[in-house]
Amino acid sequence: MINTGMPGDAGPDDVGPEDLGPGDAAGRPIGRRIVLAMLGLGAAGVAVGPAVRDGVRAALSRVAPAAVPDDRGFRYFSVVGSVPRQDATTYRLTVGGLVDRPGTYTLDQLAALPQTTVVHDAVCTDGWQVDDVPFTGVLLRDLLDAAGVRDEGAAVRFTCFDGAYSESLTLEQARRADVVVALRMFDEPVPHDSGGPVRLFVAPMYFYKSAKWLSGIEVTSQVQQGYWEDYGYPVDGWLPGEEPVGA
């Protein structure tokens, strides 16, 4: 670990409108009107079947050619026009905010930590999903424990090296056993188009909560709205049947 200040330093295709918002060629985020229209088309596709879904796919490909399903059924979107690539020599993940031991991890240091595999459906709000996706990485709660969350810490904010995307979870949500800082999917390194080399995977929530191109983890005193919450998405993006009793 680099500059962690931690004693004993031993030692996530993939996106629908939630990860979505393809930028234009200049790298500006796409306008809200287009996003909402795409969401409406996606919902229509779910309601009326394959013919309309094919039309939606064609429309998406005209707005963002990469928004066509890959071999596994994932779509690629970003909220900016271009995302820089990072690898083992350049990647860094910072953990800070309301913690006693802020730190920075390289990709190799994350890979050297205990790894957990979470298998769950990846479900997009516009109607598509990929079943039983295995994401492997470090439990988010392990990174939080290593950093030492202060008493006033109540939430976690995530930032991304695309320079635009953000998300948040409550501290209780972040500490679940099915929330991982993922380095691998389908037993391969998370590819760039899927948010690699490191992305968040929040299994019990819609995919927009699983921030791609993860670069920062910040403990905060309250939940802060993420990128898509500013466009009306719910802050708690629970999948049907996943919301805890009393939540």
Protein backbone atom coordinates (compact mmCIF):
# COMPACT_ATOMS: atom_id res chain seq x y z
CA MET A 1 0.00 0.00 0.00
CA ILE A 2 1.25 3.51 -0.74
CA ASN A 3 1.17 6.22 1.92
CA THR A 4 -1.52 4.49 3.91
CA GLY A 5 -0.31 5.28 7.36
CA MET A 6 -1.79 1.92 8.30
CA PRO A 7 0.03 -0.18 10.87
CA GLY A 8 1.26 -3.54 9.58
CA ASP A 9 0.83 -2.86 5.86
CA ALA A 10 1.05 -6.53 4.92
CA GLY A 11 -0.03 -6.86 2.08
CA PRO A 12 -17.26 -3.14 -11.15
CA ASP A 13 -21.37 -5.13 -20.19
CA ASP A 14 -22.03 -3.29 -18.30
CA VAL A 15 -24.10 -0.40 -18.45
CA GLY A 16 -27.46 0.86 -19.27
CA PRO A 17 -28.84 4.30 -18.67
CA GLU A 18 -27.74 4.06 -15.09
CA ASP A 19 -24.06 3.90 -15.98
CA LEU A 20 -25.22 5.58 -19.11
CA GLY A 21 -25.27 9.01 -20.61
CA PRO A 22 -23.02 8.73 -23.65
CA GLY A 23 -21.16 11.98 -24.19
CA ASP A 24 -20.67 13.70 -27.50
CA ALA A 25 -17.44 13.76 -29.44
CA ALA A 26 -16.21 16.76 -27.46
CA GLY A 27 -16.54 14.86 -24.21
CA ARG A 28 -19.52 16.80 -22.84
CA PRO A 29 -22.15 14.87 -20.89
CA ILE A 30 -25.23 14.16 -22.97
CA GLY A 31 -28.25 16.37 -22.35
CA ARG A 32 -30.99 15.33 -19.96
CA ARG A 33 -33.68 15.37 -22.66
CA ILE A 34 -31.86 12.72 -24.68
CA VAL A 35 -31.23 10.62 -21.57
CA LEU A 36 -34.88 10.72 -20.53
CA ALA A 37 -35.97 9.87 -24.06
CA MET A 38 -33.65 6.88 -24.07
CA LEU A 39 -35.00 5.77 -20.71
CA GLY A 40 -38.54 6.04 -22.04
CA LEU A 41 -37.63 3.97 -25.09
CA GLY A 42 -36.02 1.36 -22.89
CA ALA A 43 -39.11 1.08 -20.72
CA ALA A 44 -41.25 0.75 -23.84
CA GLY A 45 -39.05 -2.08 -25.03
CA VAL A 46 -39.63 -3.96 -21.82
CA ALA A 47 -43.37 -3.50 -22.14
CA VAL A 48 -43.95 -4.44 -25.77
CA GLY A 49 -41.27 -6.94 -26.60
CA PRO A 50 -38.45 -7.71 -29.04
CA ALA A 51 -39.63 -5.61 -31.99
CA VAL A 52 -39.55 -2.40 -30.03
CA ARG A 53 -36.36 -3.43 -28.23
CA ASP A 54 -34.71 -3.85 -31.64
CA GLY A 55 -35.84 -0.35 -32.53
CA VAL A 56 -34.45 0.97 -29.28
CA ARG A 57 -31.14 -0.74 -30.00
CA ALA A 58 -30.98 0.91 -33.42
CA ALA A 59 -31.78 4.32 -31.93
CA LEU A 60 -29.12 3.87 -29.28
CA SER A 61 -26.56 2.89 -31.87
CA ARG A 62 -27.21 6.14 -33.74
CA VAL A 63 -26.70 8.22 -30.57
CA ALA A 64 -23.80 6.14 -29.24
CA PRO A 65 -22.63 3.38 -31.58
CA ALA A 66 -21.03 1.44 -28.71
CA ALA A 67 -24.41 1.07 -26.98
CA VAL A 68 -25.03 -2.26 -28.71
CA PRO A 69 -24.92 -5.43 -26.61
CA ASP A 70 -21.64 -7.32 -26.49
CA ASP A 71 -21.43 -11.11 -26.56
CA ARG A 72 -22.59 -11.36 -22.95
CA GLY A 73 -25.36 -8.78 -23.25
CA PHE A 74 -23.62 -5.81 -21.63
CA ARG A 75 -23.82 -2.31 -23.12
CA TYR A 76 -21.06 0.24 -23.01
CA PHE A 77 -21.84 3.82 -22.01
CA SER A 78 -20.02 6.62 -20.26
CA VAL A 79 -21.27 10.01 -19.13
CA VAL A 80 -18.43 11.68 -21.01
CA GLY A 81 -17.22 11.26 -24.56
CA SER A 82 -13.94 9.55 -23.73
CA VAL A 83 -12.50 7.85 -20.65
CA PRO A 84 -8.72 7.57 -20.20
CA ARG A 85 -7.31 4.08 -19.79
CA GLN A 86 -5.43 3.11 -16.65
CA ASP A 87 -3.40 0.00 -15.87
CA ALA A 88 -1.20 -1.46 -13.12
CA THR A 89 1.43 1.24 -13.62
CA THR A 90 -0.94 4.19 -13.40
CA TYR A 91 -4.00 3.11 -11.40
CA ARG A 92 -4.54 4.43 -7.87
CA LEU A 93 -7.51 4.10 -5.52
CA THR A 94 -7.69 6.60 -2.68
CA VAL A 95 -9.60 5.97 0.56
CA GLY A 96 -10.22 9.04 2.70
CA GLY A 97 -12.74 11.38 4.22
CA LEU A 98 -13.87 10.72 7.78
CA VAL A 99 -11.29 8.02 8.50
CA ASP A 100 -8.31 7.71 10.84
CA ARG A 101 -5.96 6.14 8.28
CA PRO A 102 -6.46 7.51 4.77
CA GLY A 103 -4.56 5.62 2.12
CA THR A 104 -3.85 4.96 -1.53
CA TYR A 105 -3.79 1.53 -3.17
CA THR A 106 -2.18 0.40 -6.40
CA LEU A 107 -3.80 -2.29 -8.51
CA ASP A 108 -1.22 -4.84 -7.30
CA GLN A 109 -1.88 -3.96 -3.67
CA LEU A 110 -5.62 -4.44 -4.12
CA ALA A 111 -4.98 -7.79 -5.80
CA ALA A 112 -2.81 -8.87 -2.84
CA LEU A 113 -5.68 -8.40 -0.37
CA PRO A 114 -8.18 -11.19 0.40
CA GLN A 115 -10.51 -11.62 -2.58
CA THR A 116 -14.24 -12.38 -2.52
CA THR A 117 -16.43 -13.42 -5.44
CA VAL A 118 -20.02 -12.20 -5.56
CA VAL A 119 -22.30 -13.78 -8.18
CA HIS A 120 -25.47 -11.86 -8.95
CA ASP A 121 -27.56 -10.61 -11.86
CA ALA A 122 -26.50 -7.25 -13.28
CA VAL A 123 -29.79 -5.43 -13.80
CA CYS A 124 -30.19 -2.17 -15.71
CA THR A 125 -33.08 0.24 -15.27
CA ASP A 126 -33.86 0.26 -19.01
CA GLY A 127 -34.91 -3.38 -19.02
CA TRP A 128 -31.85 -5.46 -19.85
CA GLN A 129 -29.90 -7.70 -17.51
CA VAL A 130 -27.10 -10.24 -17.53
CA ASP A 131 -27.68 -13.19 -15.22
CA ASP A 132 -25.24 -14.63 -12.70
CA VAL A 133 -22.30 -12.31 -13.26
CA PRO A 134 -19.29 -13.19 -11.05
CA PHE A 135 -17.40 -10.15 -9.78
CA THR A 136 -14.25 -10.76 -7.73
CA GLY A 137 -12.42 -8.25 -5.60
CA VAL A 138 -11.97 -6.75 -2.16
CA LEU A 139 -14.98 -6.41 0.10
CA LEU A 140 -15.65 -2.69 0.49
CA ARG A 141 -16.06 -3.16 4.23
CA ASP A 142 -12.50 -4.52 4.47
CA LEU A 143 -11.13 -1.30 2.96
CA LEU A 144 -13.30 0.74 5.31
CA ASP A 145 -12.13 -1.26 8.33
CA ALA A 146 -8.50 -0.80 7.29
CA ALA A 147 -9.06 2.95 7.05
CA GLY A 148 -10.83 3.20 10.40
CA VAL A 149 -14.19 4.94 9.94
CA ARG A 150 -14.73 7.71 12.47
CA ASP A 151 -17.85 7.90 14.62
CA GLU A 152 -19.29 10.72 12.52
CA GLY A 153 -19.00 8.67 9.32
CA ALA A 154 -22.43 7.66 8.03
CA ALA A 155 -22.07 7.22 4.27
CA VAL A 156 -19.58 6.50 1.51
CA ARG A 157 -19.12 8.53 -1.68
CA PHE A 158 -17.46 7.06 -4.79
CA THR A 159 -15.69 9.04 -7.49
CA CYS A 160 -14.38 7.86 -10.84
CA PHE A 161 -11.46 8.63 -13.10
CA ASP A 162 -13.75 9.56 -15.97
CA GLY A 163 -13.89 12.88 -14.11
CA ALA A 164 -17.69 13.06 -13.94
CA TYR A 165 -19.41 10.04 -12.39
CA SER A 166 -20.13 9.63 -8.69
CA GLU A 167 -22.30 7.46 -6.44
CA SER A 168 -23.03 7.00 -2.73
CA LEU A 169 -24.16 4.37 -0.25
CA THR A 170 -25.04 4.53 3.39
CA LEU A 171 -22.37 3.05 5.63
CA GLU A 172 -24.69 0.15 6.43
CA GLN A 173 -25.18 -0.58 2.72
CA ALA A 174 -21.45 -0.27 2.04
CA ARG A 175 -20.62 -2.85 4.68
CA ARG A 176 -22.78 -5.59 3.17
CA ALA A 177 -21.12 -8.87 2.21
CA ASP A 178 -22.29 -8.48 -1.42
CA VAL A 179 -20.59 -5.14 -2.13
CA VAL A 180 -17.12 -5.47 -3.64
CA VAL A 181 -14.43 -3.31 -5.15
CA ALA A 182 -14.07 -5.55 -8.19
CA LEU A 183 -10.85 -6.31 -10.09
CA ARG A 184 -12.18 -9.29 -12.05
CA MET A 185 -15.39 -10.36 -13.78
CA PHE A 186 -15.98 -13.75 -15.38
CA ASP A 187 -12.58 -14.67 -13.88
CA GLU A 188 -10.79 -12.14 -16.08
CA PRO A 189 -9.53 -8.63 -15.29
CA VAL A 190 -12.34 -6.10 -15.54
CA PRO A 191 -11.87 -4.62 -19.03
CA HIS A 192 -11.81 -0.90 -19.65
CA ASP A 193 -15.23 -0.86 -21.34
CA SER A 194 -16.69 -2.55 -18.26
CA GLY A 195 -15.24 0.03 -15.89
CA GLY A 196 -11.79 -1.46 -15.35
CA PRO A 197 -9.30 -1.90 -14.07
CA VAL A 198 -11.39 -1.43 -10.89
CA ARG A 199 -15.12 -0.88 -10.49
CA LEU A 200 -17.68 -1.11 -7.73
CA PHE A 201 -20.27 -3.88 -7.71
CA VAL A 202 -23.30 -3.38 -5.47
CA ALA A 203 -25.08 -6.66 -6.09
CA PRO A 204 -28.51 -5.95 -4.52
CA MET A 205 -29.02 -2.65 -6.37
CA TYR A 206 -29.58 -1.53 -9.95
CA PHE A 207 -26.39 -1.28 -11.96
CA TYR A 208 -26.13 2.52 -11.84
CA LYS A 209 -25.06 2.13 -8.19
CA SER A 210 -22.04 0.06 -9.32
CA ALA A 211 -19.72 2.89 -10.28
CA LYS A 212 -17.26 2.17 -13.10
CA TRP A 213 -13.64 3.38 -13.36
CA LEU A 214 -13.50 3.70 -9.57
CA SER A 215 -10.81 6.05 -8.26
CA GLY A 216 -11.97 7.37 -4.89
CA ILE A 217 -13.75 6.14 -1.76
CA GLU A 218 -14.68 8.92 0.66
CA VAL A 219 -16.43 8.44 4.01
CA THR A 220 -18.89 11.28 4.59
CA SER A 221 -21.31 12.39 7.29
CA GLN A 222 -24.36 11.93 5.04
CA VAL A 223 -25.36 10.42 1.71
CA GLN A 224 -24.59 12.65 -1.25
CA GLN A 225 -26.56 12.27 -4.47
CA GLY A 226 -24.72 10.57 -7.29
CA TYR A 227 -24.65 11.47 -10.99
CA TRP A 228 -27.95 9.85 -11.92
CA GLU A 229 -29.76 10.81 -8.73
CA ASP A 230 -29.46 14.38 -9.99
CA TYR A 231 -31.62 13.22 -12.91
CA GLY A 232 -34.28 11.69 -10.70
CA TYR A 233 -32.96 8.19 -10.00
CA PRO A 234 -33.64 6.93 -6.45
CA VAL A 235 -30.75 7.26 -3.98
CA ASP A 236 -31.54 3.75 -2.73
CA GLY A 237 -31.55 1.73 -5.94
CA TRP A 238 -32.69 -1.61 -4.49
CA LEU A 239 -33.59 -4.37 -6.89
CA PRO A 240 -37.06 -5.86 -6.39
CA GLY A 241 -37.02 -8.23 -3.45
CA GLU A 242 -33.59 -7.06 -2.23
CA GLU A 243 -34.57 -4.15 -0.03
CA PRO A 244 -33.96 -5.05 3.64
CA VAL A 245 -36.99 -5.29 5.90
CA GLY A 246 -37.58 -1.92 7.53
CA ALA A 247 -35.34 -0.08 5.07
